[in-house]
Every structure is written in structure tokens, then in C-alpha cells.
Amino acid sequence: MFKQTKKYLIVTKFFNKNRYFNIFRDKLLKEERNFLDKNWFSIDAIEFDYTKNPRKIVLFEIKTLNDFYYSKLNGINGIPKFTRATIEMYKEALKVGFDVKVAIVWLKENWNYDVEIIDFCKCKFIIDEPKRYDRRVATF
């Protein structure tokens, strides 16, 4: 659903990493290439933002929350969950120079939805238990 709101968004799960590097290799700094190569399957989506000068590469963490469900609970737990490994990865991305955003897809009644985009640094979140696929140990 989020992909439909952004024309040039690349959802990493559905886009071949080698093809991406063939297309964008010359537009990436070595540090950016290394980070993307290492974390490709942990990043939900990537977008080149050419409206800013110099250009920015935006990494997205996409979360889906059920607005109808949370409105019945008076907003309780309407906050996305992140693992520590995800938090550490996006902190590293900020140091490399990427712009990091959280896209929350709010599911509504009657198949409607809204998309809210928040800067990673300003997003409130809950730290979730590590997942099986988390390889790195995150520390704060």
C-alpha cells in the first residue's frame, strides 16, 4: 500500500539488489554502497530524493497499524515496534548520511488507509523482542 503513494520507491524485498547496484552504483558513495549491501534485506524501502540539493537517499521502515482496532482501545499501543537491531541499523544509516523515515500505514474501516511519514529520530516506538533473523546484538 505504501508503495502506491510514492512513485520512485524501491521495496527491497521485491527488487534485486544486484540490479539496484547496477542502476545506482555511480550515484552512491562507497560508504553508502557498503551499508546498503550489508543491510539490504533489513531495509524495507529506498527512495532517491532529487528535490533536495545535494540529493538525499531516504531509507524507510514500514509499519502497519490497525487504526480501527486501536481507536476501540482509546489509542493504547498504537505505537510501532522495533527490535534493537533495527534501531542500531538505522542509527548507523544516519551516521553514513542517509535520511531515515518511518512510514506507518494506518488501516481504516472499509478497506481505507492513511500513510503517516515520520523522521526516525522523532518517532516514538516500543522495543520488541529480538527476532530469529536478527544477527547483530544491539546496544544503547
N, C-alpha and C. Protein backbone atom coordinates (compact mmCIF):
# COMPACT_ATOMS: atom_id res chain seq x y z
N MET A 1 0.82 -1.19 0.00
CA MET A 1 0.00 0.00 0.00
C MET A 1 0.87 1.26 0.00
N PHE A 2 1.92 1.24 0.81
CA PHE A 2 2.80 2.41 0.88
C PHE A 2 3.46 2.66 -0.48
N LYS A 3 3.83 1.62 -1.18
CA LYS A 3 4.46 1.75 -2.49
C LYS A 3 3.59 2.56 -3.44
N GLN A 4 2.28 2.42 -3.32
CA GLN A 4 1.36 3.14 -4.21
C GLN A 4 1.36 4.65 -3.96
N THR A 5 1.88 5.09 -2.83
CA THR A 5 1.89 6.51 -2.51
C THR A 5 3.16 7.21 -2.98
N LYS A 6 4.17 6.45 -3.39
CA LYS A 6 5.44 7.04 -3.82
C LYS A 6 5.88 6.39 -5.13
N LYS A 7 5.98 7.20 -6.15
CA LYS A 7 6.28 6.70 -7.50
C LYS A 7 7.64 6.03 -7.62
N TYR A 8 8.67 6.59 -6.99
CA TYR A 8 10.03 6.10 -7.19
C TYR A 8 10.56 5.25 -6.04
N LEU A 9 9.67 4.76 -5.23
CA LEU A 9 10.05 3.94 -4.09
C LEU A 9 10.47 2.54 -4.55
N ILE A 10 11.55 2.05 -3.98
CA ILE A 10 12.01 0.69 -4.27
C ILE A 10 11.82 -0.13 -3.01
N VAL A 11 10.97 -1.13 -3.08
CA VAL A 11 10.77 -2.04 -1.96
C VAL A 11 11.82 -3.14 -2.09
N THR A 12 12.75 -3.18 -1.15
CA THR A 12 13.92 -4.06 -1.29
C THR A 12 13.56 -5.53 -1.40
N LYS A 13 12.50 -5.92 -0.77
CA LYS A 13 12.07 -7.32 -0.80
C LYS A 13 11.73 -7.78 -2.23
N PHE A 14 11.29 -6.84 -3.05
CA PHE A 14 10.83 -7.17 -4.40
C PHE A 14 11.75 -6.67 -5.50
N PHE A 15 12.90 -6.10 -5.13
CA PHE A 15 13.81 -5.55 -6.12
C PHE A 15 15.18 -6.18 -5.92
N ASN A 16 15.72 -6.74 -6.95
CA ASN A 16 17.01 -7.43 -6.89
C ASN A 16 18.13 -6.47 -6.52
N LYS A 17 18.89 -6.83 -5.51
CA LYS A 17 19.99 -5.99 -5.01
C LYS A 17 21.03 -5.73 -6.10
N ASN A 18 21.41 -6.75 -6.85
CA ASN A 18 22.43 -6.57 -7.90
C ASN A 18 21.94 -5.62 -8.97
N ARG A 19 20.68 -5.72 -9.32
CA ARG A 19 20.11 -4.81 -10.32
C ARG A 19 20.13 -3.38 -9.80
N TYR A 20 19.80 -3.20 -8.51
CA TYR A 20 19.82 -1.87 -7.90
C TYR A 20 21.21 -1.27 -7.99
N PHE A 21 22.23 -2.06 -7.64
CA PHE A 21 23.59 -1.54 -7.68
C PHE A 21 24.05 -1.27 -9.11
N ASN A 22 23.59 -2.03 -10.08
CA ASN A 22 23.91 -1.76 -11.47
C ASN A 22 23.34 -0.42 -11.92
N ILE A 23 22.14 -0.10 -11.45
CA ILE A 23 21.48 1.15 -11.84
C ILE A 23 22.06 2.34 -11.09
N PHE A 24 22.27 2.21 -9.78
CA PHE A 24 22.61 3.35 -8.93
C PHE A 24 24.06 3.39 -8.45
N ARG A 25 24.89 2.47 -8.87
CA ARG A 25 26.28 2.39 -8.39
C ARG A 25 27.01 3.74 -8.47
N ASP A 26 26.90 4.43 -9.59
CA ASP A 26 27.62 5.70 -9.78
C ASP A 26 27.04 6.83 -8.93
N LYS A 27 25.83 6.67 -8.44
CA LYS A 27 25.19 7.71 -7.64
C LYS A 27 25.41 7.51 -6.14
N LEU A 28 26.06 6.42 -5.77
CA LEU A 28 26.27 6.09 -4.36
C LEU A 28 27.73 6.27 -3.98
N LEU A 29 27.94 6.79 -2.79
CA LEU A 29 29.30 6.82 -2.24
C LEU A 29 29.67 5.42 -1.78
N LYS A 30 30.96 5.16 -1.67
CA LYS A 30 31.41 3.82 -1.27
C LYS A 30 30.81 3.40 0.08
N GLU A 31 30.77 4.32 1.04
CA GLU A 31 30.22 4.03 2.36
C GLU A 31 28.72 3.68 2.26
N GLU A 32 28.00 4.40 1.39
CA GLU A 32 26.57 4.12 1.18
C GLU A 32 26.37 2.75 0.54
N ARG A 33 27.19 2.43 -0.47
CA ARG A 33 27.10 1.12 -1.13
C ARG A 33 27.34 0.00 -0.14
N ASN A 34 28.37 0.15 0.69
CA ASN A 34 28.69 -0.89 1.67
C ASN A 34 27.55 -1.09 2.66
N PHE A 35 26.98 0.02 3.14
CA PHE A 35 25.87 -0.08 4.08
C PHE A 35 24.66 -0.79 3.44
N LEU A 36 24.30 -0.38 2.23
CA LEU A 36 23.15 -0.99 1.55
C LEU A 36 23.38 -2.46 1.24
N ASP A 37 24.60 -2.78 0.83
CA ASP A 37 24.92 -4.18 0.53
C ASP A 37 24.78 -5.04 1.79
N LYS A 38 25.27 -4.54 2.90
CA LYS A 38 25.24 -5.29 4.16
C LYS A 38 23.82 -5.41 4.73
N ASN A 39 22.99 -4.39 4.54
CA ASN A 39 21.69 -4.33 5.21
C ASN A 39 20.49 -4.40 4.27
N TRP A 40 20.69 -4.79 3.02
CA TRP A 40 19.64 -4.77 2.00
C TRP A 40 18.34 -5.42 2.47
N PHE A 41 18.42 -6.59 3.07
CA PHE A 41 17.21 -7.32 3.43
C PHE A 41 16.61 -6.86 4.76
N SER A 42 17.27 -5.94 5.45
CA SER A 42 16.73 -5.39 6.69
C SER A 42 16.02 -4.05 6.46
N ILE A 43 16.28 -3.44 5.33
CA ILE A 43 15.66 -2.16 4.97
C ILE A 43 14.36 -2.46 4.22
N ASP A 44 13.28 -1.77 4.56
CA ASP A 44 12.00 -2.04 3.90
C ASP A 44 11.92 -1.38 2.52
N ALA A 45 12.38 -0.13 2.40
CA ALA A 45 12.26 0.57 1.12
C ALA A 45 13.31 1.67 1.03
N ILE A 46 13.63 2.05 -0.23
CA ILE A 46 14.63 3.08 -0.51
C ILE A 46 14.05 4.02 -1.56
N GLU A 47 14.37 5.31 -1.40
CA GLU A 47 13.94 6.28 -2.40
C GLU A 47 15.04 7.32 -2.58
N PHE A 48 15.38 7.63 -3.83
CA PHE A 48 16.29 8.74 -4.12
C PHE A 48 15.45 10.00 -4.15
N ASP A 49 15.83 10.99 -3.38
CA ASP A 49 15.10 12.26 -3.34
C ASP A 49 15.96 13.31 -4.03
N TYR A 50 15.60 13.61 -5.28
CA TYR A 50 16.35 14.60 -6.06
C TYR A 50 15.80 16.01 -5.88
N THR A 51 14.77 16.18 -5.05
CA THR A 51 14.23 17.52 -4.81
C THR A 51 15.14 18.31 -3.89
N LYS A 52 16.02 17.63 -3.16
CA LYS A 52 16.96 18.29 -2.26
C LYS A 52 18.31 18.39 -2.95
N ASN A 53 19.06 19.43 -2.61
CA ASN A 53 20.38 19.59 -3.17
C ASN A 53 21.36 19.72 -2.03
N PRO A 54 22.31 18.84 -1.82
CA PRO A 54 22.58 17.67 -2.65
C PRO A 54 21.51 16.60 -2.47
N ARG A 55 21.46 15.68 -3.38
CA ARG A 55 20.44 14.63 -3.37
C ARG A 55 20.50 13.85 -2.05
N LYS A 56 19.36 13.33 -1.65
CA LYS A 56 19.28 12.53 -0.42
C LYS A 56 18.77 11.14 -0.78
N ILE A 57 19.27 10.16 -0.09
CA ILE A 57 18.73 8.81 -0.21
C ILE A 57 17.94 8.56 1.07
N VAL A 58 16.67 8.24 0.90
CA VAL A 58 15.78 8.05 2.04
C VAL A 58 15.54 6.56 2.23
N LEU A 59 15.79 6.09 3.46
CA LEU A 59 15.50 4.71 3.82
C LEU A 59 14.21 4.71 4.63
N PHE A 60 13.33 3.76 4.34
CA PHE A 60 12.05 3.68 5.03
C PHE A 60 11.92 2.38 5.81
N GLU A 61 11.43 2.51 7.03
CA GLU A 61 10.97 1.37 7.81
C GLU A 61 9.45 1.47 7.74
N ILE A 62 8.80 0.44 7.24
CA ILE A 62 7.35 0.48 7.05
C ILE A 62 6.67 -0.34 8.13
N LYS A 63 5.72 0.28 8.79
CA LYS A 63 4.95 -0.38 9.85
C LYS A 63 3.47 -0.28 9.50
N THR A 64 2.72 -1.31 9.81
CA THR A 64 1.29 -1.31 9.58
C THR A 64 0.58 -1.42 10.92
N LEU A 65 -0.33 -0.48 11.16
CA LEU A 65 -1.11 -0.48 12.40
C LEU A 65 -2.59 -0.38 12.05
N ASN A 66 -3.40 -0.99 12.85
CA ASN A 66 -4.84 -1.03 12.61
C ASN A 66 -5.50 0.10 13.40
N ASP A 67 -5.85 1.18 12.73
CA ASP A 67 -6.44 2.35 13.38
C ASP A 67 -7.79 2.02 14.01
N PHE A 68 -8.57 1.21 13.34
CA PHE A 68 -9.89 0.85 13.85
C PHE A 68 -9.75 0.08 15.17
N TYR A 69 -8.81 -0.83 15.23
CA TYR A 69 -8.58 -1.62 16.43
C TYR A 69 -8.11 -0.73 17.58
N TYR A 70 -7.12 0.14 17.32
CA TYR A 70 -6.58 0.99 18.37
C TYR A 70 -7.56 2.06 18.81
N SER A 71 -8.43 2.53 17.93
CA SER A 71 -9.42 3.54 18.34
C SER A 71 -10.40 2.94 19.34
N LYS A 72 -10.69 1.65 19.23
CA LYS A 72 -11.57 0.98 20.19
C LYS A 72 -10.88 0.83 21.55
N LEU A 73 -9.54 0.82 21.55
CA LEU A 73 -8.78 0.70 22.80
C LEU A 73 -8.36 2.07 23.33
N ASN A 74 -8.94 3.14 22.78
CA ASN A 74 -8.58 4.51 23.16
C ASN A 74 -7.10 4.81 22.93
N GLY A 75 -6.55 4.30 21.82
CA GLY A 75 -5.19 4.62 21.43
C GLY A 75 -4.10 3.79 22.10
N ILE A 76 -4.47 2.85 22.96
CA ILE A 76 -3.48 2.05 23.67
C ILE A 76 -2.67 1.21 22.68
N ASN A 77 -1.35 1.30 22.77
CA ASN A 77 -0.42 0.54 21.94
C ASN A 77 -0.47 0.88 20.46
N GLY A 78 -0.92 2.04 20.11
CA GLY A 78 -0.89 2.47 18.72
C GLY A 78 0.48 3.00 18.35
N ILE A 79 1.52 2.30 18.82
CA ILE A 79 2.91 2.72 18.62
C ILE A 79 3.64 1.55 17.95
N PRO A 80 4.42 1.82 16.90
CA PRO A 80 5.12 0.72 16.23
C PRO A 80 6.21 0.09 17.10
N LYS A 81 6.53 -1.17 16.79
CA LYS A 81 7.58 -1.90 17.50
C LYS A 81 8.82 -1.99 16.61
N PHE A 82 9.97 -1.85 17.24
CA PHE A 82 11.26 -2.03 16.58
C PHE A 82 12.11 -2.97 17.41
N THR A 83 12.92 -3.78 16.77
CA THR A 83 13.91 -4.55 17.52
C THR A 83 15.12 -3.65 17.74
N ARG A 84 15.93 -4.00 18.72
CA ARG A 84 17.16 -3.22 18.97
C ARG A 84 18.08 -3.24 17.75
N ALA A 85 18.13 -4.37 17.06
CA ALA A 85 18.99 -4.46 15.87
C ALA A 85 18.54 -3.48 14.80
N THR A 86 17.24 -3.31 14.63
CA THR A 86 16.72 -2.36 13.65
C THR A 86 17.08 -0.93 14.05
N ILE A 87 16.93 -0.63 15.32
CA ILE A 87 17.27 0.71 15.82
C ILE A 87 18.74 1.01 15.57
N GLU A 88 19.60 0.06 15.89
CA GLU A 88 21.04 0.25 15.68
C GLU A 88 21.38 0.41 14.19
N MET A 89 20.73 -0.38 13.34
CA MET A 89 20.99 -0.29 11.90
C MET A 89 20.64 1.11 11.39
N TYR A 90 19.48 1.64 11.81
CA TYR A 90 19.08 2.96 11.32
C TYR A 90 19.92 4.08 11.95
N LYS A 91 20.42 3.90 13.15
CA LYS A 91 21.36 4.87 13.72
C LYS A 91 22.63 4.91 12.88
N GLU A 92 23.09 3.74 12.48
CA GLU A 92 24.28 3.66 11.61
C GLU A 92 23.99 4.33 10.27
N ALA A 93 22.78 4.12 9.73
CA ALA A 93 22.41 4.73 8.45
C ALA A 93 22.45 6.25 8.54
N LEU A 94 22.02 6.80 9.66
CA LEU A 94 22.06 8.26 9.84
C LEU A 94 23.51 8.74 9.84
N LYS A 95 24.40 7.99 10.47
CA LYS A 95 25.82 8.36 10.50
C LYS A 95 26.44 8.33 9.11
N VAL A 96 26.00 7.37 8.29
CA VAL A 96 26.51 7.25 6.92
C VAL A 96 26.03 8.42 6.07
N GLY A 97 24.88 9.01 6.44
CA GLY A 97 24.37 10.15 5.69
C GLY A 97 23.00 9.94 5.05
N PHE A 98 22.40 8.80 5.29
CA PHE A 98 21.07 8.54 4.77
C PHE A 98 20.03 9.32 5.57
N ASP A 99 18.92 9.63 4.93
CA ASP A 99 17.76 10.19 5.61
C ASP A 99 16.88 8.98 5.95
N VAL A 100 16.47 8.85 7.21
CA VAL A 100 15.71 7.67 7.63
C VAL A 100 14.32 8.11 8.09
N LYS A 101 13.31 7.45 7.53
CA LYS A 101 11.91 7.76 7.85
C LYS A 101 11.18 6.48 8.27
N VAL A 102 10.13 6.67 9.05
CA VAL A 102 9.23 5.58 9.41
C VAL A 102 7.91 5.88 8.72
N ALA A 103 7.44 4.94 7.93
CA ALA A 103 6.15 5.09 7.26
C ALA A 103 5.16 4.17 7.98
N ILE A 104 4.14 4.78 8.56
CA ILE A 104 3.12 3.99 9.24
C ILE A 104 1.87 3.96 8.36
N VAL A 105 1.49 2.76 7.96
CA VAL A 105 0.27 2.57 7.18
C VAL A 105 -0.84 2.27 8.19
N TRP A 106 -1.76 3.22 8.31
CA TRP A 106 -2.89 3.07 9.24
C TRP A 106 -4.06 2.46 8.50
N LEU A 107 -4.40 1.22 8.87
CA LEU A 107 -5.55 0.56 8.25
C LEU A 107 -6.82 1.10 8.88
N LYS A 108 -7.80 1.43 8.03
CA LYS A 108 -9.07 2.01 8.49
C LYS A 108 -10.21 1.06 8.14
N GLU A 109 -11.41 1.49 8.45
CA GLU A 109 -12.59 0.70 8.09
C GLU A 109 -12.80 0.76 6.57
N ASN A 110 -13.53 -0.22 6.06
CA ASN A 110 -13.94 -0.27 4.65
C ASN A 110 -12.77 -0.22 3.67
N TRP A 111 -11.69 -0.87 3.99
CA TRP A 111 -10.51 -1.00 3.14
C TRP A 111 -9.80 0.33 2.87
N ASN A 112 -10.06 1.33 3.67
CA ASN A 112 -9.36 2.61 3.54
C ASN A 112 -8.07 2.56 4.35
N TYR A 113 -7.15 3.45 4.02
CA TYR A 113 -5.90 3.53 4.78
C TYR A 113 -5.31 4.93 4.64
N ASP A 114 -4.48 5.29 5.60
CA ASP A 114 -3.70 6.52 5.57
C ASP A 114 -2.24 6.16 5.76
N VAL A 115 -1.36 7.01 5.24
CA VAL A 115 0.07 6.81 5.44
C VAL A 115 0.63 8.02 6.17
N GLU A 116 1.32 7.76 7.25
CA GLU A 116 1.96 8.80 8.05
C GLU A 116 3.47 8.58 7.96
N ILE A 117 4.21 9.62 7.58
CA ILE A 117 5.67 9.51 7.47
C ILE A 117 6.30 10.39 8.55
N ILE A 118 7.16 9.77 9.36
CA ILE A 118 7.79 10.45 10.49
C ILE A 118 9.29 10.27 10.37
N ASP A 119 10.05 11.31 10.74
CA ASP A 119 11.51 11.15 10.83
C ASP A 119 11.82 10.09 11.87
N PHE A 120 12.77 9.24 11.58
CA PHE A 120 13.15 8.17 12.51
C PHE A 120 13.49 8.73 13.88
N CYS A 121 14.19 9.85 13.92
CA CYS A 121 14.62 10.45 15.19
C CYS A 121 13.44 10.96 16.02
N LYS A 122 12.32 11.24 15.39
CA LYS A 122 11.16 11.80 16.10
C LYS A 122 10.08 10.77 16.37
N CYS A 123 10.29 9.55 15.91
CA CYS A 123 9.27 8.50 16.04
C CYS A 123 9.31 7.88 17.43
N LYS A 124 8.15 7.76 18.05
CA LYS A 124 8.05 7.01 19.30
C LYS A 124 7.85 5.55 18.93
N PHE A 125 8.47 4.66 19.69
CA PHE A 125 8.36 3.25 19.37
C PHE A 125 8.53 2.41 20.62
N ILE A 126 8.16 1.16 20.49
CA ILE A 126 8.33 0.17 21.55
C ILE A 126 9.45 -0.77 21.11
N ILE A 127 10.35 -1.11 22.04
CA ILE A 127 11.41 -2.05 21.70
C ILE A 127 10.86 -3.46 21.83
N ASP A 128 10.88 -4.18 20.73
CA ASP A 128 10.34 -5.53 20.65
C ASP A 128 11.43 -6.55 20.95
N GLU A 129 11.02 -7.75 21.22
CA GLU A 129 11.95 -8.87 21.43
C GLU A 129 12.74 -9.13 20.15
N PRO A 130 13.99 -9.56 20.26
CA PRO A 130 14.76 -9.88 19.06
C PRO A 130 14.09 -11.00 18.26
N LYS A 131 14.20 -10.91 16.96
CA LYS A 131 13.64 -11.92 16.07
C LYS A 131 14.71 -12.94 15.71
N ARG A 132 14.30 -14.07 15.21
CA ARG A 132 15.25 -15.11 14.83
C ARG A 132 16.27 -14.64 13.81
N TYR A 133 15.84 -13.76 12.91
CA TYR A 133 16.73 -13.34 11.83
C TYR A 133 17.65 -12.19 12.25
N ASP A 134 17.51 -11.63 13.47
CA ASP A 134 18.42 -10.59 13.94
C ASP A 134 19.78 -11.21 14.24
N ARG A 135 20.78 -10.77 13.51
CA ARG A 135 22.12 -11.34 13.68
C ARG A 135 22.98 -10.50 14.61
N ARG A 136 22.74 -9.23 14.64
CA ARG A 136 23.58 -8.36 15.43
C ARG A 136 22.99 -8.14 16.81
N VAL A 137 23.83 -7.95 17.77
CA VAL A 137 23.40 -7.62 19.12
C VAL A 137 23.44 -6.10 19.22
N ALA A 138 22.30 -5.49 19.53
CA ALA A 138 22.22 -4.04 19.59
C ALA A 138 22.45 -3.56 21.01
N THR A 139 23.11 -2.42 21.12
CA THR A 139 23.32 -1.81 22.43
C THR A 139 22.97 -0.34 22.35
N PHE A 140 22.55 0.21 23.45
CA PHE A 140 22.28 1.64 23.52
C PHE A 140 23.35 2.35 24.29
